[in-house]
Amino acid sequence: MQIRRKDDRNNLVFSPVINFNRPPKSFKGINIYIGNLSQDITEDDLREAFGSFGRIENVKLIKDRESGEPKGFGFVEMPTLSEGRSAISSLNGTELKGQTLKVSEARSQSHNNRNNGGQTNGPRFY
């Protein structure tokens, strides 16, 4: 994706769009999805559970924008692929704060099958 803009001489130029919300493509680690989380789970709880398998780059619990309540899933980024896969195989199906965890390698958003709330990126026909 590119953004069009004009330079000093009013010529049209294209600039790449940089998405700061995703890890850079050079990220060689693994992004892990954790589902079926308890409502009272904290990022520190996940850091403690996954920390025994290796270094943790980032932990993120997903919360509702309006209420701030946890949605019951989150993500852990680990820089080493082998440590991340070991954590997945060991923690999937285990219990944490009364809930059985569903742990797997996270899929990128481009693999998401949802229709973006009815919006499409294709051409419009009127």
N, C-alpha and C. Protein backbone atom coordinates (compact mmCIF):
# COMPACT_ATOMS: atom_id res chain seq x y z
N MET A 1 0.84 -1.16 0.00
CA MET A 1 0.00 0.00 0.00
C MET A 1 0.89 1.23 0.00
N GLN A 2 0.48 2.26 -0.73
CA GLN A 2 1.25 3.47 -0.82
C GLN A 2 0.36 4.68 -0.63
N ILE A 3 0.98 5.78 -0.20
CA ILE A 3 0.27 7.05 -0.04
C ILE A 3 0.77 7.99 -1.13
N ARG A 4 -0.14 8.67 -1.78
CA ARG A 4 0.25 9.67 -2.77
C ARG A 4 0.42 11.00 -2.07
N ARG A 5 1.46 11.73 -2.46
CA ARG A 5 1.69 13.07 -1.94
C ARG A 5 2.42 13.88 -3.00
N LYS A 6 2.50 15.17 -2.78
CA LYS A 6 3.19 16.04 -3.73
C LYS A 6 4.52 16.47 -3.12
N ASP A 7 5.57 16.55 -3.96
CA ASP A 7 6.87 16.99 -3.48
C ASP A 7 6.99 18.51 -3.60
N ASP A 8 8.22 19.04 -3.44
CA ASP A 8 8.46 20.49 -3.46
C ASP A 8 8.04 21.14 -4.78
N ARG A 9 8.19 20.42 -5.86
CA ARG A 9 7.89 20.97 -7.19
C ARG A 9 6.50 20.59 -7.67
N ASN A 10 5.66 20.17 -6.75
CA ASN A 10 4.28 19.80 -7.04
C ASN A 10 4.16 18.56 -7.92
N ASN A 11 5.19 17.70 -7.90
CA ASN A 11 5.15 16.43 -8.61
C ASN A 11 4.54 15.37 -7.70
N LEU A 12 3.78 14.48 -8.29
CA LEU A 12 3.14 13.42 -7.53
C LEU A 12 4.16 12.31 -7.24
N VAL A 13 4.33 11.97 -5.96
CA VAL A 13 5.25 10.90 -5.56
C VAL A 13 4.50 9.94 -4.66
N PHE A 14 5.00 8.72 -4.57
CA PHE A 14 4.38 7.70 -3.75
C PHE A 14 5.29 7.36 -2.58
N SER A 15 4.70 7.24 -1.40
CA SER A 15 5.46 6.88 -0.21
C SER A 15 4.88 5.59 0.36
N PRO A 16 5.71 4.69 0.85
CA PRO A 16 5.18 3.47 1.45
C PRO A 16 4.48 3.78 2.77
N VAL A 17 3.46 3.02 3.07
CA VAL A 17 2.75 3.14 4.34
C VAL A 17 3.43 2.23 5.35
N ILE A 18 3.73 2.75 6.51
CA ILE A 18 4.37 1.96 7.55
C ILE A 18 3.34 1.70 8.64
N ASN A 19 3.12 0.44 8.97
CA ASN A 19 2.18 0.06 10.01
C ASN A 19 2.97 -0.22 11.28
N PHE A 20 2.82 0.65 12.27
CA PHE A 20 3.58 0.52 13.51
C PHE A 20 2.93 -0.44 14.50
N ASN A 21 1.72 -0.94 14.19
CA ASN A 21 1.02 -1.83 15.11
C ASN A 21 1.48 -3.27 15.02
N ARG A 22 2.09 -3.66 13.94
CA ARG A 22 2.55 -5.04 13.76
C ARG A 22 4.05 -5.11 13.93
N PRO A 23 4.56 -6.27 14.33
CA PRO A 23 6.01 -6.40 14.40
C PRO A 23 6.61 -6.29 13.00
N PRO A 24 7.83 -5.77 12.89
CA PRO A 24 8.43 -5.65 11.57
C PRO A 24 8.62 -7.03 10.94
N LYS A 25 8.70 -7.06 9.59
CA LYS A 25 8.85 -8.33 8.89
C LYS A 25 10.13 -9.04 9.26
N SER A 26 11.10 -8.30 9.80
CA SER A 26 12.36 -8.91 10.19
C SER A 26 12.23 -9.66 11.53
N PHE A 27 11.07 -9.57 12.16
CA PHE A 27 10.83 -10.27 13.42
C PHE A 27 10.90 -11.77 13.17
N LYS A 28 11.87 -12.44 13.77
CA LYS A 28 12.10 -13.86 13.51
C LYS A 28 11.49 -14.76 14.57
N GLY A 29 10.85 -14.17 15.56
CA GLY A 29 10.29 -14.96 16.64
C GLY A 29 8.92 -15.52 16.29
N ILE A 30 8.12 -15.71 17.31
CA ILE A 30 6.80 -16.33 17.14
C ILE A 30 5.77 -15.54 17.93
N ASN A 31 4.62 -15.32 17.33
CA ASN A 31 3.50 -14.66 17.98
C ASN A 31 2.51 -15.76 18.37
N ILE A 32 2.19 -15.83 19.65
CA ILE A 32 1.38 -16.93 20.18
C ILE A 32 0.01 -16.41 20.61
N TYR A 33 -1.04 -17.09 20.17
CA TYR A 33 -2.41 -16.77 20.55
C TYR A 33 -2.78 -17.59 21.78
N ILE A 34 -3.40 -16.94 22.78
CA ILE A 34 -3.88 -17.64 23.96
C ILE A 34 -5.37 -17.32 24.10
N GLY A 35 -6.21 -18.34 24.01
CA GLY A 35 -7.65 -18.15 24.10
C GLY A 35 -8.23 -18.81 25.34
N ASN A 36 -9.51 -18.50 25.59
CA ASN A 36 -10.26 -19.03 26.72
C ASN A 36 -9.65 -18.57 28.05
N LEU A 37 -9.24 -17.30 28.08
CA LEU A 37 -8.63 -16.76 29.31
C LEU A 37 -9.70 -16.33 30.30
N SER A 38 -9.38 -16.46 31.57
CA SER A 38 -10.24 -16.01 32.65
C SER A 38 -10.37 -14.49 32.61
N GLN A 39 -11.47 -13.97 33.11
CA GLN A 39 -11.69 -12.52 33.13
C GLN A 39 -10.73 -11.79 34.07
N ASP A 40 -10.20 -12.50 35.06
CA ASP A 40 -9.31 -11.84 36.02
C ASP A 40 -7.82 -12.11 35.76
N ILE A 41 -7.49 -12.57 34.57
CA ILE A 41 -6.10 -12.83 34.22
C ILE A 41 -5.39 -11.49 33.97
N THR A 42 -4.11 -11.44 34.27
CA THR A 42 -3.32 -10.24 34.02
C THR A 42 -2.17 -10.56 33.08
N GLU A 43 -1.55 -9.52 32.54
CA GLU A 43 -0.39 -9.72 31.68
C GLU A 43 0.75 -10.36 32.46
N ASP A 44 0.86 -10.04 33.75
CA ASP A 44 1.89 -10.66 34.59
C ASP A 44 1.67 -12.16 34.74
N ASP A 45 0.40 -12.59 34.81
CA ASP A 45 0.10 -14.03 34.89
C ASP A 45 0.59 -14.75 33.64
N LEU A 46 0.34 -14.15 32.47
CA LEU A 46 0.79 -14.76 31.22
C LEU A 46 2.31 -14.73 31.12
N ARG A 47 2.90 -13.63 31.55
CA ARG A 47 4.36 -13.51 31.54
C ARG A 47 5.00 -14.60 32.41
N GLU A 48 4.38 -14.87 33.54
CA GLU A 48 4.89 -15.91 34.45
C GLU A 48 4.73 -17.30 33.83
N ALA A 49 3.57 -17.57 33.21
CA ALA A 49 3.32 -18.89 32.63
C ALA A 49 4.25 -19.16 31.45
N PHE A 50 4.45 -18.18 30.59
CA PHE A 50 5.28 -18.37 29.39
C PHE A 50 6.76 -18.13 29.66
N GLY A 51 7.08 -17.41 30.73
CA GLY A 51 8.47 -17.08 31.04
C GLY A 51 9.33 -18.28 31.34
N SER A 52 8.75 -19.36 31.79
CA SER A 52 9.54 -20.56 32.09
C SER A 52 10.04 -21.25 30.82
N PHE A 53 9.52 -20.85 29.65
CA PHE A 53 9.94 -21.47 28.39
C PHE A 53 10.97 -20.63 27.64
N GLY A 54 11.20 -19.40 28.08
CA GLY A 54 12.19 -18.55 27.42
C GLY A 54 11.85 -17.08 27.59
N ARG A 55 12.59 -16.27 26.87
CA ARG A 55 12.42 -14.81 26.95
C ARG A 55 11.12 -14.40 26.27
N ILE A 56 10.45 -13.41 26.85
CA ILE A 56 9.20 -12.89 26.32
C ILE A 56 9.45 -11.48 25.80
N GLU A 57 9.07 -11.26 24.56
CA GLU A 57 9.25 -9.95 23.94
C GLU A 57 8.10 -9.01 24.29
N ASN A 58 6.86 -9.52 24.26
CA ASN A 58 5.69 -8.68 24.46
C ASN A 58 4.50 -9.54 24.90
N VAL A 59 3.65 -8.98 25.76
CA VAL A 59 2.40 -9.63 26.18
C VAL A 59 1.28 -8.63 25.99
N LYS A 60 0.17 -9.08 25.37
CA LYS A 60 -0.95 -8.17 25.15
C LYS A 60 -2.27 -8.90 25.39
N LEU A 61 -3.06 -8.39 26.34
CA LEU A 61 -4.41 -8.88 26.56
C LEU A 61 -5.37 -7.99 25.78
N ILE A 62 -6.27 -8.59 25.06
CA ILE A 62 -7.21 -7.82 24.24
C ILE A 62 -8.42 -7.46 25.09
N LYS A 63 -8.76 -6.15 25.08
CA LYS A 63 -9.88 -5.65 25.87
C LYS A 63 -10.88 -4.95 24.98
N ASP A 64 -12.12 -4.90 25.43
CA ASP A 64 -13.18 -4.21 24.72
C ASP A 64 -12.90 -2.71 24.75
N ARG A 65 -13.05 -2.05 23.61
CA ARG A 65 -12.75 -0.62 23.53
C ARG A 65 -13.64 0.22 24.42
N GLU A 66 -14.91 -0.11 24.48
CA GLU A 66 -15.86 0.71 25.22
C GLU A 66 -15.86 0.43 26.71
N SER A 67 -15.94 -0.83 27.09
CA SER A 67 -16.06 -1.17 28.51
C SER A 67 -14.72 -1.39 29.20
N GLY A 68 -13.68 -1.72 28.43
CA GLY A 68 -12.38 -2.00 29.03
C GLY A 68 -12.28 -3.40 29.61
N GLU A 69 -13.35 -4.18 29.46
CA GLU A 69 -13.36 -5.56 29.97
C GLU A 69 -12.53 -6.46 29.06
N PRO A 70 -11.82 -7.44 29.64
CA PRO A 70 -11.06 -8.37 28.80
C PRO A 70 -11.98 -9.19 27.91
N LYS A 71 -11.52 -9.47 26.69
CA LYS A 71 -12.32 -10.26 25.74
C LYS A 71 -12.06 -11.75 25.86
N GLY A 72 -11.09 -12.16 26.69
CA GLY A 72 -10.85 -13.58 26.91
C GLY A 72 -9.75 -14.17 26.06
N PHE A 73 -8.96 -13.32 25.39
CA PHE A 73 -7.83 -13.83 24.64
C PHE A 73 -6.71 -12.79 24.62
N GLY A 74 -5.53 -13.26 24.26
CA GLY A 74 -4.38 -12.38 24.22
C GLY A 74 -3.27 -12.98 23.38
N PHE A 75 -2.14 -12.28 23.35
CA PHE A 75 -1.00 -12.69 22.54
C PHE A 75 0.29 -12.54 23.32
N VAL A 76 1.21 -13.45 23.07
CA VAL A 76 2.56 -13.40 23.65
C VAL A 76 3.53 -13.52 22.49
N GLU A 77 4.51 -12.62 22.43
CA GLU A 77 5.57 -12.70 21.43
C GLU A 77 6.83 -13.20 22.08
N MET A 78 7.41 -14.22 21.48
CA MET A 78 8.68 -14.76 21.96
C MET A 78 9.69 -14.68 20.82
N PRO A 79 10.92 -14.22 21.10
CA PRO A 79 11.89 -14.02 20.03
C PRO A 79 12.47 -15.31 19.44
N THR A 80 12.39 -16.41 20.17
CA THR A 80 12.96 -17.67 19.70
C THR A 80 11.85 -18.63 19.30
N LEU A 81 11.88 -19.06 18.04
CA LEU A 81 10.85 -19.93 17.50
C LEU A 81 10.74 -21.24 18.27
N SER A 82 11.86 -21.87 18.60
CA SER A 82 11.83 -23.16 19.28
C SER A 82 11.25 -23.04 20.69
N GLU A 83 11.59 -21.96 21.40
CA GLU A 83 11.03 -21.75 22.73
C GLU A 83 9.53 -21.50 22.66
N GLY A 84 9.09 -20.74 21.66
CA GLY A 84 7.67 -20.47 21.48
C GLY A 84 6.88 -21.73 21.18
N ARG A 85 7.40 -22.56 20.31
CA ARG A 85 6.70 -23.82 19.98
C ARG A 85 6.68 -24.76 21.16
N SER A 86 7.72 -24.74 21.97
CA SER A 86 7.74 -25.55 23.18
C SER A 86 6.66 -25.07 24.16
N ALA A 87 6.51 -23.76 24.27
CA ALA A 87 5.48 -23.20 25.15
C ALA A 87 4.09 -23.57 24.65
N ILE A 88 3.89 -23.52 23.35
CA ILE A 88 2.58 -23.87 22.77
C ILE A 88 2.22 -25.32 23.09
N SER A 89 3.15 -26.24 22.82
CA SER A 89 2.85 -27.65 23.04
C SER A 89 2.68 -27.98 24.52
N SER A 90 3.38 -27.28 25.37
CA SER A 90 3.28 -27.56 26.81
C SER A 90 2.07 -26.92 27.46
N LEU A 91 1.68 -25.72 27.04
CA LEU A 91 0.61 -24.99 27.73
C LEU A 91 -0.78 -25.20 27.12
N ASN A 92 -0.87 -25.67 25.88
CA ASN A 92 -2.17 -25.89 25.28
C ASN A 92 -2.92 -26.97 26.06
N GLY A 93 -4.13 -26.64 26.50
CA GLY A 93 -4.94 -27.59 27.25
C GLY A 93 -4.71 -27.57 28.75
N THR A 94 -3.76 -26.77 29.23
CA THR A 94 -3.54 -26.67 30.67
C THR A 94 -4.50 -25.66 31.28
N GLU A 95 -4.59 -25.68 32.59
CA GLU A 95 -5.52 -24.80 33.29
C GLU A 95 -4.79 -23.64 33.92
N LEU A 96 -5.36 -22.44 33.77
CA LEU A 96 -4.82 -21.23 34.39
C LEU A 96 -5.98 -20.42 34.92
N LYS A 97 -6.00 -20.21 36.22
CA LYS A 97 -7.08 -19.47 36.91
C LYS A 97 -8.46 -20.04 36.59
N GLY A 98 -8.56 -21.36 36.59
CA GLY A 98 -9.85 -22.02 36.42
C GLY A 98 -10.32 -22.20 34.98
N GLN A 99 -9.54 -21.79 34.00
CA GLN A 99 -9.91 -21.92 32.60
C GLN A 99 -8.89 -22.78 31.86
N THR A 100 -9.37 -23.64 30.95
CA THR A 100 -8.48 -24.45 30.13
C THR A 100 -8.02 -23.62 28.95
N LEU A 101 -6.70 -23.42 28.84
CA LEU A 101 -6.14 -22.55 27.81
C LEU A 101 -6.16 -23.21 26.44
N LYS A 102 -6.37 -22.38 25.42
CA LYS A 102 -6.22 -22.78 24.03
C LYS A 102 -5.05 -21.97 23.49
N VAL A 103 -3.94 -22.64 23.26
CA VAL A 103 -2.71 -21.97 22.86
C VAL A 103 -2.29 -22.46 21.49
N SER A 104 -2.01 -21.52 20.58
CA SER A 104 -1.57 -21.88 19.23
C SER A 104 -0.76 -20.73 18.65
N GLU A 105 -0.09 -21.02 17.53
CA GLU A 105 0.63 -19.97 16.84
C GLU A 105 -0.39 -19.02 16.21
N ALA A 106 -0.20 -17.73 16.44
CA ALA A 106 -1.14 -16.74 15.93
C ALA A 106 -1.03 -16.64 14.42
N ARG A 107 -2.16 -16.46 13.78
CA ARG A 107 -2.18 -16.24 12.33
C ARG A 107 -2.12 -14.74 12.08
N SER A 108 -1.54 -14.35 10.95
CA SER A 108 -1.49 -12.93 10.62
C SER A 108 -2.88 -12.44 10.28
N GLN A 109 -3.10 -11.15 10.38
CA GLN A 109 -4.43 -10.60 10.11
C GLN A 109 -4.85 -10.80 8.67
N SER A 110 -3.91 -10.99 7.77
CA SER A 110 -4.28 -11.20 6.37
C SER A 110 -4.95 -12.54 6.16
N HIS A 111 -4.78 -13.48 7.10
CA HIS A 111 -5.44 -14.78 7.00
C HIS A 111 -6.81 -14.78 7.65
N ASN A 112 -7.22 -13.62 8.14
CA ASN A 112 -8.50 -13.52 8.82
C ASN A 112 -9.64 -13.67 7.81
N ASN A 113 -10.57 -14.57 8.08
CA ASN A 113 -11.65 -14.84 7.13
C ASN A 113 -12.86 -13.95 7.33
N ARG A 114 -12.83 -13.05 8.30
CA ARG A 114 -13.99 -12.20 8.53
C ARG A 114 -14.14 -11.20 7.39
N ASN A 115 -15.32 -10.64 7.27
CA ASN A 115 -15.58 -9.71 6.17
C ASN A 115 -15.47 -8.26 6.61
N ASN A 116 -14.77 -7.97 7.68
CA ASN A 116 -14.53 -6.60 8.14
C ASN A 116 -15.83 -5.83 8.38
N GLY A 117 -16.79 -6.46 9.00
CA GLY A 117 -18.04 -5.78 9.33
C GLY A 117 -18.87 -5.41 8.13
N GLY A 118 -18.78 -6.18 7.08
CA GLY A 118 -19.57 -5.90 5.89
C GLY A 118 -18.83 -5.05 4.87
N GLN A 119 -17.68 -4.51 5.24
CA GLN A 119 -16.92 -3.70 4.30
C GLN A 119 -15.99 -4.59 3.49
N THR A 120 -15.83 -4.26 2.23
CA THR A 120 -14.92 -5.01 1.38
C THR A 120 -13.87 -4.07 0.82
N ASN A 121 -12.78 -4.64 0.39
CA ASN A 121 -11.73 -3.84 -0.21
C ASN A 121 -11.80 -3.86 -1.73
N GLY A 122 -12.77 -4.54 -2.27
CA GLY A 122 -12.88 -4.67 -3.71
C GLY A 122 -13.58 -3.48 -4.33
N PRO A 123 -13.76 -3.52 -5.64
CA PRO A 123 -14.39 -2.40 -6.34
C PRO A 123 -15.88 -2.33 -5.99
N ARG A 124 -16.42 -1.13 -6.08
CA ARG A 124 -17.84 -0.94 -5.82
C ARG A 124 -18.58 -0.81 -7.15
N PHE A 125 -19.70 -1.46 -7.23
CA PHE A 125 -20.51 -1.39 -8.42
C PHE A 125 -21.82 -0.74 -8.04
N TYR A 126 -22.12 0.41 -8.63
CA TYR A 126 -23.36 1.12 -8.31
C TYR A 126 -24.36 1.00 -9.44
